[in-house]
Amino acid sequence: MTRSTKIRLGVAALCVFGALAILAQSTDELIRSTVSNVLAPTIVLDKEGNYVVGLKPYEFKLYDNDKLQEIKVDEIFAPVSLVVAIQADAKAENALPRIQRVGTMLQTMVAGDQGEVAIIGFDHRIQKLQDFTTDPDKITEALKQLKPGSSQSVLTDTVVEATRMLRSRPKDRRKVILLIAETRDKGSSLKPREALTNLEISNVMLYSVNMSRFVNELTAKPPLPRPDPIPPAARHVPAGGAQTPTTTAQMTGAPGYGIDFAPVITEIMRSVKAVFVSNPTEIFTRYTGGKEYAFVTQRDLERALGEVSREIHNQYLITYNPNNKGEGGFHKIRVEVARRDLDVRTRDGYWLATLQ
């Protein structure tokens, strides 16, 4: 056996052992994650839509796939660790100045007392603008760094990264992602299912304040035109006509001869489709216990953040260790309270994979 062959075999063996080590680590993580407690953040409202607080733990019942569970109800809230993920692509340029004015609200209202906030911006990249801090001035400075970027916005990849950041926080903190973005993904390498699995394993709640896709399309700057591969002098000129800049513009479709409604029509069609297919934000909010809001104006944004704050700070945190883990697939969660005149909302459920 030659020396080069021995080297190649040695490298191959190291690769195999490394792969086995990674597989063992991943399997161990999967086993641990299947026995972790399930978090069901629960909101209780009266008939007027006011938050109901002060209910006792014995007034709640939780059913997992219609099976009654033994639960723990916590109304004494742990401090919040909040990751604010903001779309900063080319389409969001006109929305960014509004977002840059709400730094103090993010700390004092949404995160609350002893809460901490981290800021990330994303287009085709994910940029950490500020690690976890309790300083409103640092949050405001981080928001000022938001600049419109490329035409992509990797929403799903960003949710995965924000979840990873929250995993490093102490276990006694509530973990929340606030997503300020459009409801579509443009260019992520990961799938919504992967992001949702990470959210559920880490017991992270996701709230979204949605940018208007329609307004973003109308207010975005048009992309720079691609260079014409055919020089003007090489184009055919109609019989009897002279080659001038005006005739060249007419033939090449240069701007200035009418309004291009194609982006508007395209956006309307995408919105219709998104109701059924391409709205990962709806999946992330409904299946983690969060909620969607929307904004166009500054007042809309501040009102939405106020609603997110009230939601977070008026929840009952119900945790339980499912007694039906042998049932693979989707587990539907239902929470009931003793009083029938109250409206109860919690996460729709979660996905449980059974080990083979």
Foldseek 3Di string as FASTA:
>chain_A
DDPVVVVVVVVVVVVVVVVVVVVVVVVVLLVVLLQDKFKKWKFKAFPVRDTDDDDDPVQKWKAKLHHTFDKDKDLPAFFAEEEEEEEQALLCQVVLVLVLPCLVCCQPQARHDPGWYWYWYFFPDIGGQGATDNDSVSSSVSSVPRHHHHNFGAVLVNLQVLLVSQLPDDPRHAYEYEYEEAQFGGDHPDDLVVSLVSCRSSLYAYEYAHEDPLVSLVPGDDDDDDDDPADQVRDDDPPPDDRDPVVSCVVVVPPDPDDDCVSNVVVVVVVVVCVPPGGSVVVRNQQSFHYYHYDDDSVRVSVVSNVSSVSVNSIIIMIGRDPPLVDFFWIAMDMGGNDPSMDMDIHGTDGHHDDD
